[in-house]
């Protein structure tokens, strides 16, 4: 079953939830009732054939579009307030860091948006709240922003769901998906006929039919490293043949990336890959590291003076990243 198929199933669940919450508005229409039953029957059969349970599909998709909108709105506000605060105290670095606009936070890859929001929240958390109050940033707003980020994170499809699904994409599943899409389209048309008498319900239903592609089979982590500081990322979350794309956003600091079985920097002779400032690289596991396979990724700022801003994206299997790869000796 493809990622696109899973996203369509999540939409079916969301749409069903909207209809079940407004039964009185459509249950008297025998055509809508019959088509809804047909859609749900096909949906159930697909899950059965794939060896999946409904909670695997629906449990992480609750109000995902609302969660993203809420988190992005708070993110823009916090970023704007932090930018005003940074300008007031003359902190040019923080001022440039808090450059996020609405379009930076409410579109594109969801994980990238979460990374940006987390960065904004973390920077705001470092400042005494009393210093931020004059700039209309309160403790309540920060608490709500953090909660919104967590809600959005929890709206992601369960990581690994694609890997966990048994490879039983049989002819039956393929055929039922075709029937499900036909029945779903018919249901959309029938519900649309209620637009004159139940406009709010129909609009909510249409919103539920928007497929948000949240499952990409990859994760990302973003860190700010002090001079000579190192951090452990993706502990026990990767396997051989997975791929890391490492982006060093720093203006001056160079970094080094290692694989390790603990949180310590490996001895020099075990290898590792050095990445210059303002560059990125794609690293396969473990061959690109020229070292023994480990279960932790360690990122180290090897600068003695400058902070390092690093983003690492883990893709399961081969990555489509356009970043270059190191030459293997």
C-alpha atoms as a PDB file:
ATOM      1  CA  UNK A   1       0.000   0.000   0.000  1.00  0.00           C
ATOM      2  CA  UNK A   2       1.467   3.348  -1.028  1.00  0.00           C
ATOM      3  CA  UNK A   3       1.813   6.484   1.058  1.00  0.00           C
ATOM      4  CA  UNK A   4      -0.796   8.101  -1.200  1.00  0.00           C
ATOM      5  CA  UNK A   5      -3.210   5.259  -0.448  1.00  0.00           C
ATOM      6  CA  UNK A   6      -2.694   5.690   3.304  1.00  0.00           C
ATOM      7  CA  UNK A   7      -3.352   9.416   3.058  1.00  0.00           C
ATOM      8  CA  UNK A   8      -6.599   8.726   1.197  1.00  0.00           C
ATOM      9  CA  UNK A   9      -7.692   6.315   3.948  1.00  0.00           C
ATOM     10  CA  UNK A  10      -6.961   8.962   6.589  1.00  0.00           C
ATOM     11  CA  UNK A  11      -9.183  11.378   4.663  1.00  0.00           C
ATOM     12  CA  UNK A  12     -11.978   8.777   4.604  1.00  0.00           C
ATOM     13  CA  UNK A  13     -11.783   8.541   8.405  1.00  0.00           C
ATOM     14  CA  UNK A  14     -11.852  12.326   8.856  1.00  0.00           C
ATOM     15  CA  UNK A  15     -14.809  12.661   6.478  1.00  0.00           C
ATOM     16  CA  UNK A  16     -16.660   9.863   8.283  1.00  0.00           C
ATOM     17  CA  UNK A  17     -16.108  11.641  11.590  1.00  0.00           C
ATOM     18  CA  UNK A  18     -17.703  14.840  10.258  1.00  0.00           C
ATOM     19  CA  UNK A  19     -20.723  12.954   8.979  1.00  0.00           C
ATOM     20  CA  UNK A  20     -21.147  10.928  12.182  1.00  0.00           C
ATOM     21  CA  UNK A  21     -21.103  14.138  14.214  1.00  0.00           C
ATOM     22  CA  UNK A  22     -23.942  15.582  12.103  1.00  0.00           C
ATOM     23  CA  UNK A  23     -26.168  12.561  11.499  1.00  0.00           C
ATOM     24  CA  UNK A  24     -29.433  14.498  11.774  1.00  0.00           C
ATOM     25  CA  UNK A  25     -28.481  16.686   8.813  1.00  0.00           C
ATOM     26  CA  UNK A  26     -28.188  13.891   6.236  1.00  0.00           C
ATOM     27  CA  UNK A  27     -29.585  10.601   7.609  1.00  0.00           C
ATOM     28  CA  UNK A  28     -33.019  11.257   6.104  1.00  0.00           C
ATOM     29  CA  UNK A  29     -31.553  11.130   2.608  1.00  0.00           C
ATOM     30  CA  UNK A  30     -31.571   7.469   1.529  1.00  0.00           C
ATOM     31  CA  UNK A  31     -29.040   8.045  -1.278  1.00  0.00           C
ATOM     32  CA  UNK A  32     -26.493   9.645   1.022  1.00  0.00           C
ATOM     33  CA  UNK A  33     -27.038   6.969   3.679  1.00  0.00           C
ATOM     34  CA  UNK A  34     -26.601   4.121   1.206  1.00  0.00           C
ATOM     35  CA  UNK A  35     -23.481   5.615  -0.369  1.00  0.00           C
ATOM     36  CA  UNK A  36     -21.906   6.321   3.022  1.00  0.00           C
ATOM     37  CA  UNK A  37     -22.515   2.692   4.000  1.00  0.00           C
ATOM     38  CA  UNK A  38     -20.895   1.521   0.761  1.00  0.00           C
ATOM     39  CA  UNK A  39     -17.844   3.717   1.335  1.00  0.00           C
ATOM     40  CA  UNK A  40     -17.370   2.451   4.874  1.00  0.00           C
ATOM     41  CA  UNK A  41     -17.806  -1.163   3.805  1.00  0.00           C
ATOM     42  CA  UNK A  42     -15.056  -0.822   1.192  1.00  0.00           C
ATOM     43  CA  UNK A  43     -12.846   1.007   3.681  1.00  0.00           C
ATOM     44  CA  UNK A  44     -13.257  -1.778   6.260  1.00  0.00           C
ATOM     45  CA  UNK A  45     -12.478  -4.458   3.692  1.00  0.00           C
ATOM     46  CA  UNK A  46      -9.291  -2.689   2.603  1.00  0.00           C
ATOM     47  CA  UNK A  47      -8.102  -2.506   6.209  1.00  0.00           C
ATOM     48  CA  UNK A  48      -8.913  -6.179   6.692  1.00  0.00           C
ATOM     49  CA  UNK A  49      -7.010  -7.214   3.559  1.00  0.00           C
ATOM     50  CA  UNK A  50      -4.022  -5.102   4.595  1.00  0.00           C
ATOM     51  CA  UNK A  51      -3.984  -6.453   8.139  1.00  0.00           C
ATOM     52  CA  UNK A  52      -4.460  -2.972   9.594  1.00  0.00           C
ATOM     53  CA  UNK A  53      -6.599  -1.611  12.409  1.00  0.00           C
ATOM     54  CA  UNK A  54      -8.601   1.594  12.098  1.00  0.00           C
ATOM     55  CA  UNK A  55      -6.842   3.230  15.052  1.00  0.00           C
ATOM     56  CA  UNK A  56      -3.578   2.992  13.105  1.00  0.00           C
ATOM     57  CA  UNK A  57      -5.095   5.271  10.496  1.00  0.00           C
ATOM     58  CA  UNK A  58      -7.321   7.592  12.481  1.00  0.00           C
ATOM     59  CA  UNK A  59      -5.582   7.918  15.816  1.00  0.00           C
ATOM     60  CA  UNK A  60      -3.004  10.405  14.624  1.00  0.00           C
ATOM     61  CA  UNK A  61      -5.085  12.472  12.222  1.00  0.00           C
ATOM     62  CA  UNK A  62      -7.500  14.198  14.582  1.00  0.00           C
ATOM     63  CA  UNK A  63      -8.009  17.793  13.440  1.00  0.00           C
ATOM     64  CA  UNK A  64      -4.602  17.835  11.734  1.00  0.00           C
ATOM     65  CA  UNK A  65      -5.463  20.813   9.532  1.00  0.00           C
ATOM     66  CA  UNK A  66      -6.769  22.803  12.519  1.00  0.00           C
ATOM     67  CA  UNK A  67      -3.710  21.876  14.575  1.00  0.00           C
ATOM     68  CA  UNK A  68      -1.384  23.172  11.855  1.00  0.00           C
ATOM     69  CA  UNK A  69      -3.298  26.429  11.455  1.00  0.00           C
ATOM     70  CA  UNK A  70      -3.364  27.049  15.217  1.00  0.00           C
ATOM     71  CA  UNK A  71       0.324  26.309  15.707  1.00  0.00           C
ATOM     72  CA  UNK A  72       1.370  28.417  12.717  1.00  0.00           C
ATOM     73  CA  UNK A  73      -0.683  31.404  13.905  1.00  0.00           C
ATOM     74  CA  UNK A  74       0.890  31.319  17.345  1.00  0.00           C
ATOM     75  CA  UNK A  75       4.312  30.783  15.789  1.00  0.00           C
ATOM     76  CA  UNK A  76       4.027  33.939  13.709  1.00  0.00           C
ATOM     77  CA  UNK A  77       2.965  35.932  16.776  1.00  0.00           C
ATOM     78  CA  UNK A  78       5.799  34.626  18.961  1.00  0.00           C
ATOM     79  CA  UNK A  79       8.345  35.163  16.187  1.00  0.00           C
ATOM     80  CA  UNK A  80       7.147  38.743  15.653  1.00  0.00           C
ATOM     81  CA  UNK A  81       7.284  39.517  19.377  1.00  0.00           C
ATOM     82  CA  UNK A  82      10.742  37.992  19.680  1.00  0.00           C
ATOM     83  CA  UNK A  83      11.948  40.028  16.713  1.00  0.00           C
ATOM     84  CA  UNK A  84      10.700  43.213  18.384  1.00  0.00           C
ATOM     85  CA  UNK A  85      12.400  42.202  21.637  1.00  0.00           C
ATOM     86  CA  UNK A  86      15.679  41.433  19.832  1.00  0.00           C
ATOM     87  CA  UNK A  87      15.604  44.781  18.048  1.00  0.00           C
ATOM     88  CA  UNK A  88      14.972  46.573  21.339  1.00  0.00           C
ATOM     89  CA  UNK A  89      17.976  45.005  23.092  1.00  0.00           C
ATOM     90  CA  UNK A  90      20.211  45.196  20.021  1.00  0.00           C
ATOM     91  CA  UNK A  91      20.636  41.441  19.560  1.00  0.00           C
ATOM     92  CA  UNK A  92      21.234  41.239  15.811  1.00  0.00           C
ATOM     93  CA  UNK A  93      21.639  37.442  15.793  1.00  0.00           C
ATOM     94  CA  UNK A  94      18.304  36.814  17.487  1.00  0.00           C
ATOM     95  CA  UNK A  95      16.662  39.474  15.312  1.00  0.00           C
ATOM     96  CA  UNK A  96      17.735  37.685  12.129  1.00  0.00           C
ATOM     97  CA  UNK A  97      16.800  34.283  13.575  1.00  0.00           C
ATOM     98  CA  UNK A  98      13.205  35.385  14.226  1.00  0.00           C
ATOM     99  CA  UNK A  99      12.418  36.066  10.574  1.00  0.00           C
ATOM    100  CA  UNK A 100       9.482  33.684  10.166  1.00  0.00           C
ATOM    101  CA  UNK A 101       6.338  34.693   8.297  1.00  0.00           C
ATOM    102  CA  UNK A 102       2.998  32.901   7.976  1.00  0.00           C
ATOM    103  CA  UNK A 103       4.069  31.279   4.711  1.00  0.00           C
ATOM    104  CA  UNK A 104       7.131  29.834   6.451  1.00  0.00           C
ATOM    105  CA  UNK A 105       5.016  27.994   9.014  1.00  0.00           C
ATOM    106  CA  UNK A 106       1.736  26.943   7.419  1.00  0.00           C
ATOM    107  CA  UNK A 107       2.831  25.293   4.189  1.00  0.00           C
ATOM    108  CA  UNK A 108       5.447  22.942   2.766  1.00  0.00           C
ATOM    109  CA  UNK A 109       6.676  19.906   4.673  1.00  0.00           C
ATOM    110  CA  UNK A 110       4.949  19.627   8.041  1.00  0.00           C
ATOM    111  CA  UNK A 111       8.081  18.378   9.797  1.00  0.00           C
ATOM    112  CA  UNK A 112      10.047  21.390   8.581  1.00  0.00           C
ATOM    113  CA  UNK A 113       7.305  23.687   9.894  1.00  0.00           C
ATOM    114  CA  UNK A 114       7.434  21.947  13.278  1.00  0.00           C
ATOM    115  CA  UNK A 115      11.212  22.325  13.367  1.00  0.00           C
ATOM    116  CA  UNK A 116      10.884  26.063  12.757  1.00  0.00           C
ATOM    117  CA  UNK A 117       8.170  26.452  15.401  1.00  0.00           C
ATOM    118  CA  UNK A 118      10.223  24.491  17.923  1.00  0.00           C
ATOM    119  CA  UNK A 119      13.195  26.752  17.258  1.00  0.00           C
ATOM    120  CA  UNK A 120      11.016  29.834  17.821  1.00  0.00           C
ATOM    121  CA  UNK A 121       9.599  28.397  21.059  1.00  0.00           C
ATOM    122  CA  UNK A 122      13.010  27.349  22.374  1.00  0.00           C
ATOM    123  CA  UNK A 123      14.477  30.806  21.788  1.00  0.00           C
ATOM    124  CA  UNK A 124      11.509  32.472  23.490  1.00  0.00           C
ATOM    125  CA  UNK A 125      11.842  30.123  26.466  1.00  0.00           C
ATOM    126  CA  UNK A 126      15.382  31.334  27.077  1.00  0.00           C
ATOM    127  CA  UNK A 127      14.186  34.879  27.807  1.00  0.00           C
ATOM    128  CA  UNK A 128      12.639  35.860  31.185  1.00  0.00           C
ATOM    129  CA  UNK A 129       8.928  36.289  30.571  1.00  0.00           C
ATOM    130  CA  UNK A 130       8.971  39.682  32.299  1.00  0.00           C
ATOM    131  CA  UNK A 131      11.280  40.931  29.549  1.00  0.00           C
ATOM    132  CA  UNK A 132       8.860  39.789  26.855  1.00  0.00           C
ATOM    133  CA  UNK A 133       5.624  41.125  28.362  1.00  0.00           C
ATOM    134  CA  UNK A 134       6.137  44.663  26.963  1.00  0.00           C
ATOM    135  CA  UNK A 135       6.235  43.078  23.523  1.00  0.00           C
ATOM    136  CA  UNK A 136       2.869  41.333  23.992  1.00  0.00           C
ATOM    137  CA  UNK A 137       4.350  37.912  24.610  1.00  0.00           C
ATOM    138  CA  UNK A 138       3.023  36.305  27.802  1.00  0.00           C
ATOM    139  CA  UNK A 139       3.531  33.028  29.621  1.00  0.00           C
ATOM    140  CA  UNK A 140       0.038  31.926  28.587  1.00  0.00           C
ATOM    141  CA  UNK A 141       0.822  32.496  24.913  1.00  0.00           C
ATOM    142  CA  UNK A 142       4.041  30.506  25.195  1.00  0.00           C
ATOM    143  CA  UNK A 143       2.236  27.681  26.971  1.00  0.00           C
ATOM    144  CA  UNK A 144      -0.431  27.620  24.280  1.00  0.00           C
ATOM    145  CA  UNK A 145       2.216  27.711  21.551  1.00  0.00           C
ATOM    146  CA  UNK A 146       4.039  24.738  23.050  1.00  0.00           C
ATOM    147  CA  UNK A 147       0.769  22.823  23.358  1.00  0.00           C
ATOM    148  CA  UNK A 148      -0.083  23.642  19.734  1.00  0.00           C
ATOM    149  CA  UNK A 149       3.293  22.323  18.563  1.00  0.00           C
ATOM    150  CA  UNK A 150       2.704  19.087  20.474  1.00  0.00           C
ATOM    151  CA  UNK A 151      -0.807  18.767  19.037  1.00  0.00           C
ATOM    152  CA  UNK A 152       0.540  19.159  15.526  1.00  0.00           C
ATOM    153  CA  UNK A 153       3.308  16.662  16.200  1.00  0.00           C
ATOM    154  CA  UNK A 154       0.755  14.150  17.493  1.00  0.00           C
ATOM    155  CA  UNK A 155      -1.314  14.650  14.343  1.00  0.00           C
ATOM    156  CA  UNK A 156       1.411  12.974  12.288  1.00  0.00           C
ATOM    157  CA  UNK A 157       0.744   9.487  10.994  1.00  0.00           C
ATOM    158  CA  UNK A 158       2.455   6.991  13.251  1.00  0.00           C
ATOM    159  CA  UNK A 159       6.078   6.872  12.213  1.00  0.00           C
ATOM    160  CA  UNK A 160       6.814   3.593  10.591  1.00  0.00           C
ATOM    161  CA  UNK A 161       3.199   2.828   9.729  1.00  0.00           C
ATOM    162  CA  UNK A 162       4.184   2.203   6.138  1.00  0.00           C
ATOM    163  CA  UNK A 163       6.924  -0.171   7.255  1.00  0.00           C
ATOM    164  CA  UNK A 164       4.562  -1.900   9.697  1.00  0.00           C
ATOM    165  CA  UNK A 165       1.845  -2.531   7.144  1.00  0.00           C
ATOM    166  CA  UNK A 166       2.168  -6.018   5.759  1.00  0.00           C
ATOM    167  CA  UNK A 167       3.078  -6.150   2.114  1.00  0.00           C
ATOM    168  CA  UNK A 168      -0.294  -7.486   1.088  1.00  0.00           C
ATOM    169  CA  UNK A 169      -1.236  -4.959  -1.598  1.00  0.00           C
ATOM    170  CA  UNK A 170      -3.161  -7.638  -3.418  1.00  0.00           C
ATOM    171  CA  UNK A 171      -5.432  -7.362  -6.403  1.00  0.00           C
ATOM    172  CA  UNK A 172      -8.342  -7.217  -3.952  1.00  0.00           C
ATOM    173  CA  UNK A 173      -6.951  -4.095  -2.272  1.00  0.00           C
ATOM    174  CA  UNK A 174      -6.216  -2.447  -5.612  1.00  0.00           C
ATOM    175  CA  UNK A 175      -9.699  -3.156  -6.904  1.00  0.00           C
ATOM    176  CA  UNK A 176     -11.348  -1.993  -3.675  1.00  0.00           C
ATOM    177  CA  UNK A 177      -9.370   1.253  -3.736  1.00  0.00           C
ATOM    178  CA  UNK A 178     -10.722   1.947  -7.210  1.00  0.00           C
ATOM    179  CA  UNK A 179     -14.255   1.262  -5.988  1.00  0.00           C
ATOM    180  CA  UNK A 180     -13.674   3.335  -2.853  1.00  0.00           C
ATOM    181  CA  UNK A 181     -12.607   6.381  -4.846  1.00  0.00           C
ATOM    182  CA  UNK A 182     -15.649   6.076  -7.112  1.00  0.00           C
ATOM    183  CA  UNK A 183     -17.980   5.720  -4.122  1.00  0.00           C
ATOM    184  CA  UNK A 184     -16.223   8.558  -2.320  1.00  0.00           C
ATOM    185  CA  UNK A 185     -16.662  10.857  -5.307  1.00  0.00           C
ATOM    186  CA  UNK A 186     -20.357   9.954  -5.451  1.00  0.00           C
ATOM    187  CA  UNK A 187     -20.734  10.684  -1.728  1.00  0.00           C
ATOM    188  CA  UNK A 188     -19.076  14.073  -2.187  1.00  0.00           C
ATOM    189  CA  UNK A 189     -21.555  14.945  -4.932  1.00  0.00           C
ATOM    190  CA  UNK A 190     -24.557  13.850  -2.883  1.00  0.00           C
ATOM    191  CA  UNK A 191     -23.450  15.772   0.213  1.00  0.00           C
ATOM    192  CA  UNK A 192     -22.936  18.799  -2.019  1.00  0.00           C
ATOM    193  CA  UNK A 193     -26.679  18.817  -2.765  1.00  0.00           C
ATOM    194  CA  UNK A 194     -27.243  19.908   0.866  1.00  0.00           C
ATOM    195  CA  UNK A 195     -25.330  23.130   0.262  1.00  0.00           C
ATOM    196  CA  UNK A 196     -28.403  25.356   0.133  1.00  0.00           C
ATOM    197  CA  UNK A 197     -30.009  24.095   3.349  1.00  0.00           C
ATOM    198  CA  UNK A 198     -26.883  23.092   5.344  1.00  0.00           C
ATOM    199  CA  UNK A 199     -24.041  25.307   4.082  1.00  0.00           C
ATOM    200  CA  UNK A 200     -21.943  25.101   7.280  1.00  0.00           C
ATOM    201  CA  UNK A 201     -22.053  21.303   7.322  1.00  0.00           C
ATOM    202  CA  UNK A 202     -21.181  21.050   3.637  1.00  0.00           C
ATOM    203  CA  UNK A 203     -18.194  23.370   4.070  1.00  0.00           C
ATOM    204  CA  UNK A 204     -16.959  21.363   7.052  1.00  0.00           C
ATOM    205  CA  UNK A 205     -17.373  18.183   5.016  1.00  0.00           C
ATOM    206  CA  UNK A 206     -15.349  19.679   2.154  1.00  0.00           C
ATOM    207  CA  UNK A 207     -12.591  20.658   4.577  1.00  0.00           C
ATOM    208  CA  UNK A 208     -12.510  17.061   5.796  1.00  0.00           C
ATOM    209  CA  UNK A 209     -11.952  15.909   2.212  1.00  0.00           C
ATOM    210  CA  UNK A 210      -8.695  17.846   1.870  1.00  0.00           C
ATOM    211  CA  UNK A 211      -5.872  15.315   1.871  1.00  0.00           C
ATOM    212  CA  UNK A 212      -2.857  16.621   3.788  1.00  0.00           C
ATOM    213  CA  UNK A 213       0.220  14.591   2.957  1.00  0.00           C
ATOM    214  CA  UNK A 214       1.805  14.075   6.369  1.00  0.00           C
ATOM    215  CA  UNK A 215       3.574  10.785   5.835  1.00  0.00           C
ATOM    216  CA  UNK A 216       6.954  11.027   4.163  1.00  0.00           C
ATOM    217  CA  UNK A 217       8.831   8.154   5.758  1.00  0.00           C
ATOM    218  CA  UNK A 218      11.363  10.571   7.196  1.00  0.00           C
ATOM    219  CA  UNK A 219      12.139  12.560  10.341  1.00  0.00           C
ATOM    220  CA  UNK A 220      14.127  15.699  11.034  1.00  0.00           C
ATOM    221  CA  UNK A 221      15.885  17.161  14.052  1.00  0.00           C
ATOM    222  CA  UNK A 222      17.301  20.664  14.462  1.00  0.00           C
ATOM    223  CA  UNK A 223      19.941  21.672  17.009  1.00  0.00           C
ATOM    224  CA  UNK A 224      21.913  24.746  18.029  1.00  0.00           C
ATOM    225  CA  UNK A 225      25.387  23.783  19.270  1.00  0.00           C
ATOM    226  CA  UNK A 226      27.698  25.911  21.384  1.00  0.00           C
ATOM    227  CA  UNK A 227      31.443  25.891  20.498  1.00  0.00           C
ATOM    228  CA  UNK A 228      32.825  22.335  20.909  1.00  0.00           C
ATOM    229  CA  UNK A 229      29.406  21.049  22.039  1.00  0.00           C
ATOM    230  CA  UNK A 230      28.017  17.763  20.710  1.00  0.00           C
ATOM    231  CA  UNK A 231      24.546  16.204  20.794  1.00  0.00           C
ATOM    232  CA  UNK A 232      23.075  12.771  20.134  1.00  0.00           C
ATOM    233  CA  UNK A 233      20.297  12.526  17.532  1.00  0.00           C
ATOM    234  CA  UNK A 234      18.023   9.728  16.289  1.00  0.00           C
ATOM    235  CA  UNK A 235      18.939   7.258  19.029  1.00  0.00           C
ATOM    236  CA  UNK A 236      18.090   3.745  17.791  1.00  0.00           C
ATOM    237  CA  UNK A 237      15.912   5.157  15.010  1.00  0.00           C
ATOM    238  CA  UNK A 238      17.930   4.197  11.938  1.00  0.00           C
ATOM    239  CA  UNK A 239      19.171   1.074  10.192  1.00  0.00           C
ATOM    240  CA  UNK A 240      21.762   0.187   7.539  1.00  0.00           C
ATOM    241  CA  UNK A 241      20.833   1.589   4.117  1.00  0.00           C
ATOM    242  CA  UNK A 242      18.970   4.557   5.638  1.00  0.00           C
ATOM    243  CA  UNK A 243      20.216   8.022   4.686  1.00  0.00           C
ATOM    244  CA  UNK A 244      21.032  11.214   6.600  1.00  0.00           C
ATOM    245  CA  UNK A 245      20.951  14.626   4.953  1.00  0.00           C
ATOM    246  CA  UNK A 246      22.951  16.982   7.174  1.00  0.00           C
ATOM    247  CA  UNK A 247      22.624  20.745   6.690  1.00  0.00           C
ATOM    248  CA  UNK A 248      25.040  23.092   8.425  1.00  0.00           C
ATOM    249  CA  UNK A 249      23.277  26.481   8.394  1.00  0.00           C
ATOM    250  CA  UNK A 250      26.114  28.153  10.313  1.00  0.00           C
ATOM    251  CA  UNK A 251      27.896  31.158   8.878  1.00  0.00           C
ATOM    252  CA  UNK A 252      31.278  30.277  10.376  1.00  0.00           C
ATOM    253  CA  UNK A 253      31.202  27.052  12.389  1.00  0.00           C
ATOM    254  CA  UNK A 254      32.252  23.724  10.909  1.00  0.00           C
ATOM    255  CA  UNK A 255      30.762  20.515  12.281  1.00  0.00           C
ATOM    256  CA  UNK A 256      31.607  16.832  12.421  1.00  0.00           C
ATOM    257  CA  UNK A 257      29.148  13.938  12.247  1.00  0.00           C
ATOM    258  CA  UNK A 258      29.755  10.499  13.744  1.00  0.00           C
ATOM    259  CA  UNK A 259      28.019   7.201  14.348  1.00  0.00           C
ATOM    260  CA  UNK A 260      28.354   5.770  17.842  1.00  0.00           C
ATOM    261  CA  UNK A 261      26.822   3.259  20.232  1.00  0.00           C
ATOM    262  CA  UNK A 262      26.885   5.715  23.137  1.00  0.00           C
ATOM    263  CA  UNK A 263      26.725   9.475  23.697  1.00  0.00           C
ATOM    264  CA  UNK A 264      30.480  10.012  23.569  1.00  0.00           C
ATOM    265  CA  UNK A 265      32.493  11.345  20.655  1.00  0.00           C
ATOM    266  CA  UNK A 266      34.287   8.361  19.096  1.00  0.00           C
ATOM    267  CA  UNK A 267      38.092   8.232  18.961  1.00  0.00           C
ATOM    268  CA  UNK A 268      39.590  10.155  16.073  1.00  0.00           C
ATOM    269  CA  UNK A 269      40.638   7.036  14.194  1.00  0.00           C
ATOM    270  CA  UNK A 270      37.058   5.761  13.921  1.00  0.00           C
ATOM    271  CA  UNK A 271      36.238   8.289  11.241  1.00  0.00           C
ATOM    272  CA  UNK A 272      33.335  10.663  11.015  1.00  0.00           C
ATOM    273  CA  UNK A 273      32.509  13.254   8.377  1.00  0.00           C
ATOM    274  CA  UNK A 274      33.385  16.951   8.527  1.00  0.00           C
ATOM    275  CA  UNK A 275      30.924  19.463   7.085  1.00  0.00           C
ATOM    276  CA  UNK A 276      31.885  23.061   6.393  1.00  0.00           C
ATOM    277  CA  UNK A 277      29.729  26.071   7.255  1.00  0.00           C
ATOM    278  CA  UNK A 278      26.821  26.834   4.896  1.00  0.00           C
ATOM    279  CA  UNK A 279      26.844  23.427   3.243  1.00  0.00           C
ATOM    280  CA  UNK A 280      24.978  20.138   3.190  1.00  0.00           C
ATOM    281  CA  UNK A 281      25.804  16.521   2.547  1.00  0.00           C
ATOM    282  CA  UNK A 282      23.983  13.209   2.099  1.00  0.00           C
ATOM    283  CA  UNK A 283      25.334  10.282   4.123  1.00  0.00           C
ATOM    284  CA  UNK A 284      24.356   6.657   3.681  1.00  0.00           C
ATOM    285  CA  UNK A 285      24.498   4.377   6.713  1.00  0.00           C
ATOM    286  CA  UNK A 286      27.084   3.168   7.486  1.00  0.00           C
ATOM    287  CA  UNK A 287      29.330   3.289   4.404  1.00  0.00           C
ATOM    288  CA  UNK A 288      29.564   7.079   4.083  1.00  0.00           C
ATOM    289  CA  UNK A 289      30.929   7.348   7.608  1.00  0.00           C
ATOM    290  CA  UNK A 290      33.858   4.994   6.950  1.00  0.00           C
ATOM    291  CA  UNK A 291      33.401   3.585  10.438  1.00  0.00           C
ATOM    292  CA  UNK A 292      31.752   0.768  12.359  1.00  0.00           C
ATOM    293  CA  UNK A 293      27.966   0.900  12.459  1.00  0.00           C
ATOM    294  CA  UNK A 294      26.505   2.633  15.519  1.00  0.00           C
ATOM    295  CA  UNK A 295      23.006   3.276  16.797  1.00  0.00           C
ATOM    296  CA  UNK A 296      23.349   7.003  17.551  1.00  0.00           C
ATOM    297  CA  UNK A 297      24.147   9.934  15.320  1.00  0.00           C
ATOM    298  CA  UNK A 298      26.448  12.458  17.011  1.00  0.00           C
ATOM    299  CA  UNK A 299      26.769  15.999  15.695  1.00  0.00           C
ATOM    300  CA  UNK A 300      29.693  18.038  17.034  1.00  0.00           C
ATOM    301  CA  UNK A 301      30.475  21.724  16.647  1.00  0.00           C
ATOM    302  CA  UNK A 302      34.238  21.720  16.078  1.00  0.00           C
ATOM    303  CA  UNK A 303      34.494  25.514  16.176  1.00  0.00           C
ATOM    304  CA  UNK A 304      36.159  27.080  19.212  1.00  0.00           C
ATOM    305  CA  UNK A 305      34.257  30.374  18.947  1.00  0.00           C
ATOM    306  CA  UNK A 306      31.058  30.165  16.907  1.00  0.00           C
ATOM    307  CA  UNK A 307      27.670  28.523  17.448  1.00  0.00           C
ATOM    308  CA  UNK A 308      26.513  25.937  14.920  1.00  0.00           C
ATOM    309  CA  UNK A 309      22.953  25.642  13.581  1.00  0.00           C
ATOM    310  CA  UNK A 310      22.362  22.158  12.187  1.00  0.00           C
ATOM    311  CA  UNK A 311      19.399  20.317  10.679  1.00  0.00           C
ATOM    312  CA  UNK A 312      19.543  16.559  10.079  1.00  0.00           C
ATOM    313  CA  UNK A 313      16.904  14.712   8.040  1.00  0.00           C
ATOM    314  CA  UNK A 314      16.680  10.929   8.338  1.00  0.00           C
ATOM    315  CA  UNK A 315      15.155   9.124   5.355  1.00  0.00           C
ATOM    316  CA  UNK A 316      14.350   5.441   5.585  1.00  0.00           C
ATOM    317  CA  UNK A 317      16.107   3.888   2.651  1.00  0.00           C
ATOM    318  CA  UNK A 318      17.453   5.901  -0.248  1.00  0.00           C
ATOM    319  CA  UNK A 319      16.974   9.670  -0.016  1.00  0.00           C
ATOM    320  CA  UNK A 320      15.888  11.933  -2.872  1.00  0.00           C
ATOM    321  CA  UNK A 321      17.832  14.833  -1.377  1.00  0.00           C
ATOM    322  CA  UNK A 322      19.845  16.833  -3.887  1.00  0.00           C
ATOM    323  CA  UNK A 323      22.731  17.187  -1.409  1.00  0.00           C
ATOM    324  CA  UNK A 324      26.099  15.861  -2.529  1.00  0.00           C
ATOM    325  CA  UNK A 325      27.627  12.673  -1.184  1.00  0.00           C
ATOM    326  CA  UNK A 326      31.160  12.253   0.195  1.00  0.00           C
ATOM    327  CA  UNK A 327      33.717  10.311  -1.768  1.00  0.00           C
ATOM    328  CA  UNK A 328      34.361   6.914  -0.172  1.00  0.00           C
ATOM    329  CA  UNK A 329      38.003   5.849   0.057  1.00  0.00           C
END
